[in-house]
Amino acid sequence: GLWYLLASTLAFCIALVTSFVLQKFWTFSDDPNKNILGQFSRFAIVSVCNLAINVTLMYISVDVLTMQYLAAQFIVTGLIAFFSFFIYRDLVFRRER
């Protein structure tokens, strides 16, 4: 019953927070007391950049290279996930040496 643009924005925000919590505590087993606000800010910036990269690569794949959109999304998602892991590990949830 929500307006589709509001629903889409809420879904993105919920996914952002859920992804941050899972990355911080499950994937990287990061200290819960360590700079959570700074980490979330960096995480959100990377996530918004990933969204822009996703849209750009999808446009190129589907409209320029004429790939089938599901195959393109599968490939683009895999690429973004692969590179994002290293960005999150090294820039967002980096461990002190």
Protein backbone atom coordinates (compact mmCIF):
# COMPACT_ATOMS: atom_id res chain seq x y z
CA GLY A 1 0.00 0.00 0.00
CA LEU A 2 3.03 2.31 -0.08
CA TRP A 3 3.89 4.63 -2.95
CA TYR A 4 6.43 2.71 -5.03
CA LEU A 5 9.18 5.34 -4.74
CA LEU A 6 8.84 5.47 -0.95
CA ALA A 7 8.80 1.66 -0.81
CA SER A 8 11.91 1.48 -2.96
CA THR A 9 13.74 4.03 -0.79
CA LEU A 10 12.77 2.23 2.42
CA ALA A 11 13.88 -1.10 0.94
CA PHE A 12 17.28 0.38 0.03
CA CYS A 13 17.71 1.82 3.55
CA ILE A 14 16.72 -1.45 5.24
CA ALA A 15 19.05 -3.40 2.96
CA LEU A 16 21.88 -0.94 3.69
CA VAL A 17 21.56 -1.30 7.46
CA THR A 18 21.12 -5.10 7.26
CA SER A 19 24.12 -5.46 4.98
CA PHE A 20 26.26 -3.27 7.24
CA VAL A 21 25.38 -5.31 10.33
CA LEU A 22 26.06 -8.62 8.55
CA GLN A 23 29.35 -7.40 7.07
CA LYS A 24 30.57 -5.91 10.36
CA PHE A 25 29.69 -8.75 12.71
CA TRP A 26 29.54 -11.86 10.53
CA THR A 27 31.81 -11.45 7.50
CA PHE A 28 34.60 -9.46 9.15
CA SER A 29 33.95 -10.25 12.86
CA ASP A 30 34.71 -6.62 13.65
CA ASP A 31 34.86 -5.12 17.15
CA PRO A 32 31.34 -3.89 18.02
CA ASN A 33 32.69 -0.80 19.78
CA LYS A 34 35.06 0.27 17.02
CA ASN A 35 34.08 3.52 15.24
CA ILE A 36 30.65 2.28 14.16
CA LEU A 37 29.49 5.69 12.90
CA GLY A 38 32.60 6.24 10.77
CA GLN A 39 32.39 2.70 9.42
CA PHE A 40 28.72 3.07 8.57
CA SER A 41 29.41 6.36 6.77
CA ARG A 42 32.16 4.76 4.65
CA PHE A 43 29.97 1.70 4.09
CA ALA A 44 27.06 3.85 2.90
CA ILE A 45 29.29 5.79 0.49
CA VAL A 46 30.66 2.56 -1.00
CA SER A 47 27.13 1.15 -1.26
CA VAL A 48 25.81 4.20 -3.11
CA CYS A 49 28.82 4.05 -5.44
CA ASN A 50 28.08 0.36 -6.02
CA LEU A 51 24.51 1.26 -6.93
CA ALA A 52 25.76 3.80 -9.48
CA ILE A 53 28.25 1.28 -10.89
CA ASN A 54 25.50 -1.33 -11.09
CA VAL A 55 23.20 0.97 -13.05
CA THR A 56 26.02 2.05 -15.38
CA LEU A 57 27.25 -1.49 -16.07
CA MET A 58 23.68 -2.73 -16.57
CA TYR A 59 23.01 0.00 -19.10
CA ILE A 60 26.21 -0.81 -20.98
CA SER A 61 25.59 -4.57 -20.84
CA VAL A 62 21.94 -4.50 -21.89
CA ASP A 63 21.58 -1.45 -24.13
CA VAL A 64 25.05 -1.28 -25.70
CA LEU A 65 26.22 -4.90 -25.70
CA THR A 66 22.63 -6.28 -26.05
CA MET A 67 23.03 -8.88 -23.32
CA GLN A 68 19.97 -10.49 -21.78
CA TYR A 69 19.22 -8.47 -18.63
CA LEU A 70 19.25 -11.38 -16.15
CA ALA A 71 22.60 -12.64 -17.41
CA ALA A 72 23.95 -9.09 -17.28
CA GLN A 73 22.71 -8.60 -13.72
CA PHE A 74 24.28 -11.91 -12.66
CA ILE A 75 27.67 -10.89 -14.08
CA VAL A 76 27.52 -7.30 -12.81
CA THR A 77 26.46 -8.41 -9.33
CA GLY A 78 29.32 -10.90 -9.19
CA LEU A 79 31.87 -8.28 -10.22
CA ILE A 80 30.59 -5.74 -7.71
CA ALA A 81 30.50 -8.32 -4.90
CA PHE A 82 34.06 -9.44 -5.64
CA PHE A 83 35.58 -5.97 -5.65
CA SER A 84 33.39 -4.73 -2.79
CA PHE A 85 34.71 -7.44 -0.48
CA PHE A 86 38.22 -6.01 -0.74
CA ILE A 87 37.02 -2.42 -0.41
CA TYR A 88 35.01 -3.26 2.71
CA ARG A 89 37.89 -5.30 4.14
CA ASP A 90 40.61 -2.72 3.48
CA LEU A 91 38.78 0.61 3.81
CA VAL A 92 35.68 0.12 5.94
CA PHE A 93 36.43 -2.70 8.40
CA ARG A 94 40.24 -2.64 8.33
CA ARG A 95 41.96 -4.29 11.24
CA GLU A 96 44.64 -2.53 13.21
CA ARG A 97 47.97 -4.24 12.73
